[in-house]
Amino acid sequence: MDVDLRKLRYFVAVAEEMHFGRAAERLHIAQPVLSRQIRALEGELGVELFRRDRRGTELTAAGRQLLDDARPVLAATEALTRRVWAAARGGVGFTIGFMPGITVTSAVRALRGNHPDLDVRLLRTSWHDQTEVLHDGRADVSIVRLPIDLAGLQTRPLFTEARVAVVPADHPLAGKESVPIADLAADHLLQDPDAVPEWRDIAAELRAGDRRPVREIASVEEKLELVAGGEGFAIVPASTAGFYTRAGVAMIPIEDIGPNRVALAWPIGRRTPLVREFADIAAELLPEHS
């Protein structure tokens, strides 16, 4: 059977909101219409996707499986649409995503030198969308900072670089040549602890660490502003720390923390000659500038 993509979008909205009213507002449709579409999808699939009772709405096992599978399908559809529109406009383009602090000039110049008529574009990404831009077609390849969710992606290692702690300028450790990560165990980390497992593990072992919820931070600039304001500290790659210098913060090398790994990533299904060529160029040139 064919699955209606519109119904899939409606389903994902409800699954993410876990509330039919909020999902309907997000989709700009009436709630009864949304409910009918979800019931129709359940009928077409022959399964129950949601359990609804007085306590709220929750996904069934079938619903959880559909959510896992529906997101990449919708992202791939969006990517296909973007590429078709670009082709219709007559342009041959190649978009390269890159994370803050990473200099891609040498690789971009080399690709443009090989293809003078190619429209090469750059897209700055963040921790929250560095793989999303690949799945939805905004970028053909992306230079990412690991770890990432590798589902549907192929990667090629490029280089590694040291990570440093960014602390308020008046922090007791500011000015130290280097510190062990344990010296920061009692401080509030402005990141997902799983992104810095060395800090997470030592803080748990010492029963230390400020466990306030970590809010989503949209940019490096916002993170540094929070650090300067005394909200906590962050662990960032050395190149990012060097690129985003500002008053009110201090950078301290960490003695016992693993490096940040940088890789090139692209969708598994995108096996075009340009992707392969840029992968070779990036692997040759970018480590020299790390």
C-alpha atoms as a PDB file:
ATOM      1  CA  MET A   1       0.000   0.000   0.000  1.00  0.00           C
ATOM      2  CA  ASP A   2       1.046   3.601  -0.553  1.00  0.00           C
ATOM      3  CA  VAL A   3       1.394   5.796   2.548  1.00  0.00           C
ATOM      4  CA  ASP A   4       0.146   9.376   2.241  1.00  0.00           C
ATOM      5  CA  LEU A   5       3.034  11.719   3.075  1.00  0.00           C
ATOM      6  CA  ARG A   6       0.629  14.356   4.361  1.00  0.00           C
ATOM      7  CA  LYS A   7      -0.760  11.919   6.888  1.00  0.00           C
ATOM      8  CA  LEU A   8       2.797  11.029   7.902  1.00  0.00           C
ATOM      9  CA  ARG A   9       3.527  14.710   8.565  1.00  0.00           C
ATOM     10  CA  TYR A  10       0.368  14.956  10.644  1.00  0.00           C
ATOM     11  CA  PHE A  11       1.352  11.843  12.581  1.00  0.00           C
ATOM     12  CA  VAL A  12       4.859  13.153  13.331  1.00  0.00           C
ATOM     13  CA  ALA A  13       3.431  16.445  14.578  1.00  0.00           C
ATOM     14  CA  VAL A  14       1.116  14.659  17.004  1.00  0.00           C
ATOM     15  CA  ALA A  15       3.877  12.262  18.093  1.00  0.00           C
ATOM     16  CA  GLU A  16       6.249  15.136  18.814  1.00  0.00           C
ATOM     17  CA  GLU A  17       3.676  17.286  20.605  1.00  0.00           C
ATOM     18  CA  MET A  18       1.881  14.406  22.322  1.00  0.00           C
ATOM     19  CA  HIS A  19      -1.194  16.604  22.183  1.00  0.00           C
ATOM     20  CA  PHE A  20      -3.708  16.821  19.329  1.00  0.00           C
ATOM     21  CA  GLY A  21      -4.606  20.448  20.037  1.00  0.00           C
ATOM     22  CA  ARG A  22      -1.005  21.704  19.975  1.00  0.00           C
ATOM     23  CA  ALA A  23      -0.243  19.592  16.896  1.00  0.00           C
ATOM     24  CA  ALA A  24      -3.269  21.065  15.089  1.00  0.00           C
ATOM     25  CA  GLU A  25      -2.079  24.605  15.913  1.00  0.00           C
ATOM     26  CA  ARG A  26       1.403  23.753  14.665  1.00  0.00           C
ATOM     27  CA  LEU A  27      -0.031  22.384  11.402  1.00  0.00           C
ATOM     28  CA  HIS A  28      -2.546  25.255  11.045  1.00  0.00           C
ATOM     29  CA  ILE A  29      -5.493  22.908  10.682  1.00  0.00           C
ATOM     30  CA  ALA A  30      -8.599  22.224  12.775  1.00  0.00           C
ATOM     31  CA  GLN A  31      -8.234  19.581  15.486  1.00  0.00           C
ATOM     32  CA  PRO A  32     -11.189  17.452  14.223  1.00  0.00           C
ATOM     33  CA  VAL A  33      -9.552  17.323  10.777  1.00  0.00           C
ATOM     34  CA  LEU A  34      -6.276  16.179  12.340  1.00  0.00           C
ATOM     35  CA  SER A  35      -8.009  13.507  14.378  1.00  0.00           C
ATOM     36  CA  ARG A  36      -9.769  12.167  11.280  1.00  0.00           C
ATOM     37  CA  GLN A  37      -6.499  12.017   9.343  1.00  0.00           C
ATOM     38  CA  ILE A  38      -4.780  10.085  12.124  1.00  0.00           C
ATOM     39  CA  ARG A  39      -7.683   7.635  12.335  1.00  0.00           C
ATOM     40  CA  ALA A  40      -7.514   7.231   8.549  1.00  0.00           C
ATOM     41  CA  LEU A  41      -3.775   6.499   8.754  1.00  0.00           C
ATOM     42  CA  GLU A  42      -4.375   3.924  11.485  1.00  0.00           C
ATOM     43  CA  GLY A  43      -7.047   2.340   9.289  1.00  0.00           C
ATOM     44  CA  GLU A  44      -4.752   2.203   6.272  1.00  0.00           C
ATOM     45  CA  LEU A  45      -1.928   0.632   8.285  1.00  0.00           C
ATOM     46  CA  GLY A  46      -4.235  -1.632  10.260  1.00  0.00           C
ATOM     47  CA  VAL A  47      -2.649  -0.696  13.595  1.00  0.00           C
ATOM     48  CA  GLU A  48      -3.276   1.601  16.532  1.00  0.00           C
ATOM     49  CA  LEU A  49      -0.666   4.377  16.683  1.00  0.00           C
ATOM     50  CA  PHE A  50      -1.791   6.260  19.798  1.00  0.00           C
ATOM     51  CA  ARG A  51      -3.442   5.360  23.068  1.00  0.00           C
ATOM     52  CA  ARG A  52      -5.749   8.096  24.255  1.00  0.00           C
ATOM     53  CA  ASP A  53      -7.290   8.291  27.700  1.00  0.00           C
ATOM     54  CA  ARG A  54      -8.048  10.881  30.378  1.00  0.00           C
ATOM     55  CA  ARG A  55      -4.360  11.015  31.340  1.00  0.00           C
ATOM     56  CA  GLY A  56      -3.269  12.050  27.842  1.00  0.00           C
ATOM     57  CA  THR A  57      -1.886  10.602  24.632  1.00  0.00           C
ATOM     58  CA  GLU A  58       0.971   8.160  24.236  1.00  0.00           C
ATOM     59  CA  LEU A  59       2.505   6.199  21.376  1.00  0.00           C
ATOM     60  CA  THR A  60       1.959   2.484  20.978  1.00  0.00           C
ATOM     61  CA  ALA A  61       4.817   0.201  19.988  1.00  0.00           C
ATOM     62  CA  ALA A  62       3.664   0.539  16.378  1.00  0.00           C
ATOM     63  CA  GLY A  63       3.545   4.310  16.778  1.00  0.00           C
ATOM     64  CA  ARG A  64       7.091   4.449  18.122  1.00  0.00           C
ATOM     65  CA  GLN A  65       8.305   2.374  15.180  1.00  0.00           C
ATOM     66  CA  LEU A  66       6.476   4.593  12.690  1.00  0.00           C
ATOM     67  CA  LEU A  67       7.959   7.727  14.249  1.00  0.00           C
ATOM     68  CA  ASP A  68      11.481   6.300  13.921  1.00  0.00           C
ATOM     69  CA  ASP A  69      10.861   5.473  10.257  1.00  0.00           C
ATOM     70  CA  ALA A  70       8.735   8.489   9.289  1.00  0.00           C
ATOM     71  CA  ARG A  71      11.271  11.183  10.176  1.00  0.00           C
ATOM     72  CA  PRO A  72      13.948  10.059   7.679  1.00  0.00           C
ATOM     73  CA  VAL A  73      11.294   9.449   5.010  1.00  0.00           C
ATOM     74  CA  LEU A  74       9.980  13.012   5.352  1.00  0.00           C
ATOM     75  CA  ALA A  75      13.502  14.428   5.452  1.00  0.00           C
ATOM     76  CA  ALA A  76      14.418  12.508   2.285  1.00  0.00           C
ATOM     77  CA  THR A  77      11.277  13.813   0.577  1.00  0.00           C
ATOM     78  CA  GLU A  78      12.218  17.377   1.486  1.00  0.00           C
ATOM     79  CA  ALA A  79      15.751  16.805   0.197  1.00  0.00           C
ATOM     80  CA  LEU A  80      14.404  15.412  -3.080  1.00  0.00           C
ATOM     81  CA  THR A  81      12.135  18.434  -3.502  1.00  0.00           C
ATOM     82  CA  ARG A  82      15.008  20.871  -2.883  1.00  0.00           C
ATOM     83  CA  ARG A  83      17.212  19.165  -5.481  1.00  0.00           C
ATOM     84  CA  VAL A  84      14.433  19.040  -8.080  1.00  0.00           C
ATOM     85  CA  TRP A  85      13.666  22.750  -7.593  1.00  0.00           C
ATOM     86  CA  ALA A  86      17.360  23.584  -7.893  1.00  0.00           C
ATOM     87  CA  ALA A  87      17.607  21.601 -11.131  1.00  0.00           C
ATOM     88  CA  ALA A  88      14.501  23.331 -12.505  1.00  0.00           C
ATOM     89  CA  ARG A  89      16.143  26.713 -11.891  1.00  0.00           C
ATOM     90  CA  GLY A  90      19.005  25.580 -14.097  1.00  0.00           C
ATOM     91  CA  GLY A  91      21.656  25.786 -11.422  1.00  0.00           C
ATOM     92  CA  VAL A  92      24.211  23.122 -10.617  1.00  0.00           C
ATOM     93  CA  GLY A  93      25.107  23.691  -6.998  1.00  0.00           C
ATOM     94  CA  PHE A  94      27.014  22.043  -4.182  1.00  0.00           C
ATOM     95  CA  THR A  95      26.446  23.108  -0.589  1.00  0.00           C
ATOM     96  CA  ILE A  96      28.969  22.404   2.163  1.00  0.00           C
ATOM     97  CA  GLY A  97      27.917  22.573   5.795  1.00  0.00           C
ATOM     98  CA  PHE A  98      30.534  23.345   8.422  1.00  0.00           C
ATOM     99  CA  MET A  99      30.685  23.719  12.187  1.00  0.00           C
ATOM    100  CA  PRO A 100      31.910  26.849  14.021  1.00  0.00           C
ATOM    101  CA  GLY A 101      35.673  27.159  14.321  1.00  0.00           C
ATOM    102  CA  ILE A 102      36.409  24.968  11.294  1.00  0.00           C
ATOM    103  CA  THR A 103      38.175  26.704   8.390  1.00  0.00           C
ATOM    104  CA  VAL A 104      37.152  25.232   5.040  1.00  0.00           C
ATOM    105  CA  THR A 105      38.691  27.831   2.697  1.00  0.00           C
ATOM    106  CA  SER A 106      41.418  25.621   1.218  1.00  0.00           C
ATOM    107  CA  ALA A 107      39.054  22.783   0.338  1.00  0.00           C
ATOM    108  CA  VAL A 108      36.414  25.125  -1.101  1.00  0.00           C
ATOM    109  CA  ARG A 109      38.991  26.940  -3.243  1.00  0.00           C
ATOM    110  CA  ALA A 110      40.283  23.614  -4.566  1.00  0.00           C
ATOM    111  CA  LEU A 111      36.774  22.425  -5.504  1.00  0.00           C
ATOM    112  CA  ARG A 112      35.992  25.731  -7.213  1.00  0.00           C
ATOM    113  CA  GLY A 113      39.305  25.536  -9.034  1.00  0.00           C
ATOM    114  CA  ASN A 114      38.369  22.118 -10.415  1.00  0.00           C
ATOM    115  CA  HIS A 115      34.851  23.276 -11.369  1.00  0.00           C
ATOM    116  CA  PRO A 116      34.784  27.015 -12.245  1.00  0.00           C
ATOM    117  CA  ASP A 117      31.099  26.871 -13.244  1.00  0.00           C
ATOM    118  CA  LEU A 118      29.960  25.079 -10.106  1.00  0.00           C
ATOM    119  CA  ASP A 119      27.933  27.145  -7.632  1.00  0.00           C
ATOM    120  CA  VAL A 120      29.634  26.179  -4.354  1.00  0.00           C
ATOM    121  CA  ARG A 121      27.818  27.424  -1.266  1.00  0.00           C
ATOM    122  CA  LEU A 122      28.620  27.316   2.438  1.00  0.00           C
ATOM    123  CA  LEU A 123      26.156  26.685   5.257  1.00  0.00           C
ATOM    124  CA  ARG A 124      27.126  27.321   8.878  1.00  0.00           C
ATOM    125  CA  THR A 125      25.674  24.655  11.147  1.00  0.00           C
ATOM    126  CA  SER A 126      25.392  24.059  14.893  1.00  0.00           C
ATOM    127  CA  TRP A 127      25.428  21.091  17.277  1.00  0.00           C
ATOM    128  CA  HIS A 128      21.658  20.840  16.819  1.00  0.00           C
ATOM    129  CA  ASP A 129      21.418  20.762  13.020  1.00  0.00           C
ATOM    130  CA  GLN A 130      24.775  19.550  11.672  1.00  0.00           C
ATOM    131  CA  THR A 131      23.206  16.280  10.472  1.00  0.00           C
ATOM    132  CA  GLU A 132      19.703  17.633   9.903  1.00  0.00           C
ATOM    133  CA  VAL A 133      20.980  19.752   6.991  1.00  0.00           C
ATOM    134  CA  LEU A 134      22.104  16.542   5.271  1.00  0.00           C
ATOM    135  CA  HIS A 135      18.869  14.649   5.774  1.00  0.00           C
ATOM    136  CA  ASP A 136      16.640  17.480   4.525  1.00  0.00           C
ATOM    137  CA  GLY A 137      18.842  18.397   1.556  1.00  0.00           C
ATOM    138  CA  ARG A 138      20.089  21.819   2.636  1.00  0.00           C
ATOM    139  CA  ALA A 139      23.670  20.545   2.339  1.00  0.00           C
ATOM    140  CA  ASP A 140      25.274  17.947   0.089  1.00  0.00           C
ATOM    141  CA  VAL A 141      28.072  17.276   2.565  1.00  0.00           C
ATOM    142  CA  SER A 142      28.798  18.609   6.035  1.00  0.00           C
ATOM    143  CA  ILE A 143      31.974  18.916   8.075  1.00  0.00           C
ATOM    144  CA  VAL A 144      30.786  17.710  11.467  1.00  0.00           C
ATOM    145  CA  ARG A 145      32.075  17.433  14.988  1.00  0.00           C
ATOM    146  CA  LEU A 146      31.599  13.936  16.386  1.00  0.00           C
ATOM    147  CA  PRO A 147      29.776  12.255  17.989  1.00  0.00           C
ATOM    148  CA  ILE A 148      26.695  12.402  15.796  1.00  0.00           C
ATOM    149  CA  ASP A 149      23.793  10.086  15.019  1.00  0.00           C
ATOM    150  CA  LEU A 150      25.213   8.083  12.106  1.00  0.00           C
ATOM    151  CA  ALA A 151      21.859   6.693  10.931  1.00  0.00           C
ATOM    152  CA  GLY A 152      21.626   7.137   7.168  1.00  0.00           C
ATOM    153  CA  LEU A 153      25.030   8.795   6.916  1.00  0.00           C
ATOM    154  CA  GLN A 154      28.495   7.914   5.694  1.00  0.00           C
ATOM    155  CA  THR A 155      31.538   9.617   7.227  1.00  0.00           C
ATOM    156  CA  ARG A 156      35.220  10.086   6.509  1.00  0.00           C
ATOM    157  CA  PRO A 157      37.584  11.113   9.333  1.00  0.00           C
ATOM    158  CA  LEU A 158      39.440  14.390   8.762  1.00  0.00           C
ATOM    159  CA  PHE A 159      41.365  15.425  11.874  1.00  0.00           C
ATOM    160  CA  THR A 160      41.264  15.749  15.649  1.00  0.00           C
ATOM    161  CA  GLU A 161      41.885  18.768  17.853  1.00  0.00           C
ATOM    162  CA  ALA A 162      42.267  19.463  21.551  1.00  0.00           C
ATOM    163  CA  ARG A 163      39.363  20.700  23.647  1.00  0.00           C
ATOM    164  CA  VAL A 164      39.544  23.453  26.262  1.00  0.00           C
ATOM    165  CA  ALA A 165      37.366  24.690  29.117  1.00  0.00           C
ATOM    166  CA  VAL A 166      35.756  28.114  28.801  1.00  0.00           C
ATOM    167  CA  VAL A 167      35.161  29.652  32.239  1.00  0.00           C
ATOM    168  CA  PRO A 168      34.195  33.123  33.497  1.00  0.00           C
ATOM    169  CA  ALA A 169      37.160  35.506  33.626  1.00  0.00           C
ATOM    170  CA  ASP A 170      36.875  35.702  37.433  1.00  0.00           C
ATOM    171  CA  HIS A 171      36.787  31.907  37.906  1.00  0.00           C
ATOM    172  CA  PRO A 172      39.315  30.660  40.512  1.00  0.00           C
ATOM    173  CA  LEU A 173      41.006  28.523  37.831  1.00  0.00           C
ATOM    174  CA  ALA A 174      41.260  31.298  35.217  1.00  0.00           C
ATOM    175  CA  GLY A 175      44.879  31.864  34.288  1.00  0.00           C
ATOM    176  CA  LYS A 176      46.013  28.288  34.961  1.00  0.00           C
ATOM    177  CA  GLU A 177      48.228  26.757  32.281  1.00  0.00           C
ATOM    178  CA  SER A 178      46.106  23.594  32.399  1.00  0.00           C
ATOM    179  CA  VAL A 179      43.820  21.713  34.796  1.00  0.00           C
ATOM    180  CA  PRO A 180      42.491  18.145  35.190  1.00  0.00           C
ATOM    181  CA  ILE A 181      38.805  17.759  34.416  1.00  0.00           C
ATOM    182  CA  ALA A 182      38.184  16.808  38.071  1.00  0.00           C
ATOM    183  CA  ASP A 183      38.900  20.420  39.064  1.00  0.00           C
ATOM    184  CA  LEU A 184      35.695  21.405  37.235  1.00  0.00           C
ATOM    185  CA  ALA A 185      33.557  18.552  38.570  1.00  0.00           C
ATOM    186  CA  ALA A 186      31.546  20.794  40.892  1.00  0.00           C
ATOM    187  CA  ASP A 187      30.806  23.431  38.227  1.00  0.00           C
ATOM    188  CA  HIS A 188      27.683  23.638  36.049  1.00  0.00           C
ATOM    189  CA  LEU A 189      28.339  22.294  32.548  1.00  0.00           C
ATOM    190  CA  LEU A 190      26.412  24.233  29.904  1.00  0.00           C
ATOM    191  CA  GLN A 191      26.157  21.184  27.639  1.00  0.00           C
ATOM    192  CA  ASP A 192      24.637  17.753  27.547  1.00  0.00           C
ATOM    193  CA  PRO A 193      26.870  15.765  29.968  1.00  0.00           C
ATOM    194  CA  ASP A 194      26.952  12.908  27.454  1.00  0.00           C
ATOM    195  CA  ALA A 195      28.894  15.230  25.123  1.00  0.00           C
ATOM    196  CA  VAL A 196      31.664  15.408  27.748  1.00  0.00           C
ATOM    197  CA  PRO A 197      31.716  11.898  29.235  1.00  0.00           C
ATOM    198  CA  GLU A 198      34.984  12.582  31.094  1.00  0.00           C
ATOM    199  CA  TRP A 199      33.292  15.339  33.121  1.00  0.00           C
ATOM    200  CA  ARG A 200      30.066  13.338  33.493  1.00  0.00           C
ATOM    201  CA  ASP A 201      31.857  10.298  34.896  1.00  0.00           C
ATOM    202  CA  ILE A 202      34.138  12.143  37.313  1.00  0.00           C
ATOM    203  CA  ALA A 203      31.268  14.323  38.559  1.00  0.00           C
ATOM    204  CA  ALA A 204      29.214  11.180  39.228  1.00  0.00           C
ATOM    205  CA  GLU A 205      32.150   9.480  40.949  1.00  0.00           C
ATOM    206  CA  LEU A 206      32.772  12.478  43.196  1.00  0.00           C
ATOM    207  CA  ARG A 207      29.039  13.080  43.635  1.00  0.00           C
ATOM    208  CA  ALA A 208      29.668  16.622  42.537  1.00  0.00           C
ATOM    209  CA  GLY A 209      28.481  18.782  39.691  1.00  0.00           C
ATOM    210  CA  ASP A 210      25.631  21.232  39.378  1.00  0.00           C
ATOM    211  CA  ARG A 211      22.768  19.145  37.958  1.00  0.00           C
ATOM    212  CA  ARG A 212      20.475  21.974  36.886  1.00  0.00           C
ATOM    213  CA  PRO A 213      18.727  21.187  33.587  1.00  0.00           C
ATOM    214  CA  VAL A 214      20.781  22.192  30.557  1.00  0.00           C
ATOM    215  CA  ARG A 215      18.874  24.506  28.255  1.00  0.00           C
ATOM    216  CA  GLU A 216      19.253  24.315  24.480  1.00  0.00           C
ATOM    217  CA  ILE A 217      21.865  26.840  23.342  1.00  0.00           C
ATOM    218  CA  ALA A 218      21.544  27.987  19.750  1.00  0.00           C
ATOM    219  CA  SER A 219      25.042  29.340  19.063  1.00  0.00           C
ATOM    220  CA  VAL A 220      28.610  29.642  20.308  1.00  0.00           C
ATOM    221  CA  GLU A 221      27.991  33.336  20.928  1.00  0.00           C
ATOM    222  CA  GLU A 222      25.081  32.534  23.245  1.00  0.00           C
ATOM    223  CA  LYS A 223      27.162  29.919  25.070  1.00  0.00           C
ATOM    224  CA  LEU A 224      29.999  32.388  25.676  1.00  0.00           C
ATOM    225  CA  GLU A 225      27.531  34.995  26.899  1.00  0.00           C
ATOM    226  CA  LEU A 226      26.209  32.528  29.475  1.00  0.00           C
ATOM    227  CA  VAL A 227      29.763  31.685  30.557  1.00  0.00           C
ATOM    228  CA  ALA A 228      30.698  35.359  30.893  1.00  0.00           C
ATOM    229  CA  GLY A 229      27.561  35.908  32.961  1.00  0.00           C
ATOM    230  CA  GLY A 230      28.625  33.250  35.450  1.00  0.00           C
ATOM    231  CA  GLU A 231      26.009  30.659  34.463  1.00  0.00           C
ATOM    232  CA  GLY A 232      28.559  27.854  34.154  1.00  0.00           C
ATOM    233  CA  PHE A 233      31.388  26.606  31.960  1.00  0.00           C
ATOM    234  CA  ALA A 234      31.686  24.889  28.580  1.00  0.00           C
ATOM    235  CA  ILE A 235      34.062  22.507  26.845  1.00  0.00           C
ATOM    236  CA  VAL A 236      34.803  23.562  23.265  1.00  0.00           C
ATOM    237  CA  PRO A 237      37.307  22.626  20.549  1.00  0.00           C
ATOM    238  CA  ALA A 238      40.479  24.713  20.636  1.00  0.00           C
ATOM    239  CA  SER A 239      39.799  26.211  17.194  1.00  0.00           C
ATOM    240  CA  THR A 240      36.364  27.391  18.316  1.00  0.00           C
ATOM    241  CA  ALA A 241      37.864  28.956  21.435  1.00  0.00           C
ATOM    242  CA  GLY A 242      40.452  30.759  19.321  1.00  0.00           C
ATOM    243  CA  PHE A 243      37.947  31.987  16.753  1.00  0.00           C
ATOM    244  CA  TYR A 244      35.360  33.267  19.236  1.00  0.00           C
ATOM    245  CA  THR A 245      37.577  35.292  21.567  1.00  0.00           C
ATOM    246  CA  ARG A 246      35.779  37.820  23.763  1.00  0.00           C
ATOM    247  CA  ALA A 247      36.088  39.671  27.052  1.00  0.00           C
ATOM    248  CA  GLY A 248      34.673  38.123  30.204  1.00  0.00           C
ATOM    249  CA  VAL A 249      35.809  34.553  29.618  1.00  0.00           C
ATOM    250  CA  ALA A 250      39.041  32.585  29.988  1.00  0.00           C
ATOM    251  CA  MET A 251      40.227  29.481  28.153  1.00  0.00           C
ATOM    252  CA  ILE A 252      41.967  26.689  30.081  1.00  0.00           C
ATOM    253  CA  PRO A 253      43.536  23.594  28.451  1.00  0.00           C
ATOM    254  CA  ILE A 254      42.301  20.307  29.957  1.00  0.00           C
ATOM    255  CA  GLU A 255      44.965  17.717  30.765  1.00  0.00           C
ATOM    256  CA  ASP A 256      42.928  14.517  30.688  1.00  0.00           C
ATOM    257  CA  ILE A 257      40.142  14.870  28.146  1.00  0.00           C
ATOM    258  CA  GLY A 258      39.904  13.301  24.712  1.00  0.00           C
ATOM    259  CA  PRO A 259      40.156  15.384  21.538  1.00  0.00           C
ATOM    260  CA  ASN A 260      37.292  16.510  19.369  1.00  0.00           C
ATOM    261  CA  ARG A 261      37.026  14.430  16.184  1.00  0.00           C
ATOM    262  CA  VAL A 262      36.118  16.162  12.931  1.00  0.00           C
ATOM    263  CA  ALA A 263      34.731  14.257   9.950  1.00  0.00           C
ATOM    264  CA  LEU A 264      33.045  14.791   6.624  1.00  0.00           C
ATOM    265  CA  ALA A 265      29.524  13.361   6.469  1.00  0.00           C
ATOM    266  CA  TRP A 266      27.019  12.843   3.668  1.00  0.00           C
ATOM    267  CA  PRO A 267      23.815  10.829   3.105  1.00  0.00           C
ATOM    268  CA  ILE A 268      24.473   7.193   2.251  1.00  0.00           C
ATOM    269  CA  GLY A 269      22.404   7.480  -0.913  1.00  0.00           C
ATOM    270  CA  ARG A 270      24.379  10.480  -2.254  1.00  0.00           C
ATOM    271  CA  ARG A 271      27.177   8.708  -4.150  1.00  0.00           C
ATOM    272  CA  THR A 272      27.775  11.435  -6.718  1.00  0.00           C
ATOM    273  CA  PRO A 273      31.207  12.151  -8.221  1.00  0.00           C
ATOM    274  CA  LEU A 274      31.244  15.597  -6.562  1.00  0.00           C
ATOM    275  CA  VAL A 275      30.752  14.086  -3.111  1.00  0.00           C
ATOM    276  CA  ARG A 276      33.595  11.631  -3.661  1.00  0.00           C
ATOM    277  CA  GLU A 277      35.824  14.372  -5.061  1.00  0.00           C
ATOM    278  CA  PHE A 278      35.205  16.756  -2.190  1.00  0.00           C
ATOM    279  CA  ALA A 279      35.777  13.962   0.325  1.00  0.00           C
ATOM    280  CA  ASP A 280      39.222  13.393  -1.179  1.00  0.00           C
ATOM    281  CA  ILE A 281      39.984  17.123  -1.215  1.00  0.00           C
ATOM    282  CA  ALA A 282      38.864  17.612   2.387  1.00  0.00           C
ATOM    283  CA  ALA A 283      40.848  14.607   3.614  1.00  0.00           C
ATOM    284  CA  GLU A 284      43.986  15.961   1.926  1.00  0.00           C
ATOM    285  CA  LEU A 285      43.748  19.681   2.746  1.00  0.00           C
ATOM    286  CA  LEU A 286      41.764  20.250   5.927  1.00  0.00           C
ATOM    287  CA  PRO A 287      44.091  18.403   8.364  1.00  0.00           C
ATOM    288  CA  GLU A 288      46.849  20.839   7.332  1.00  0.00           C
ATOM    289  CA  HIS A 289      44.756  23.752   8.615  1.00  0.00           C
ATOM    290  CA  SER A 290      43.551  22.155  11.835  1.00  0.00           C
END
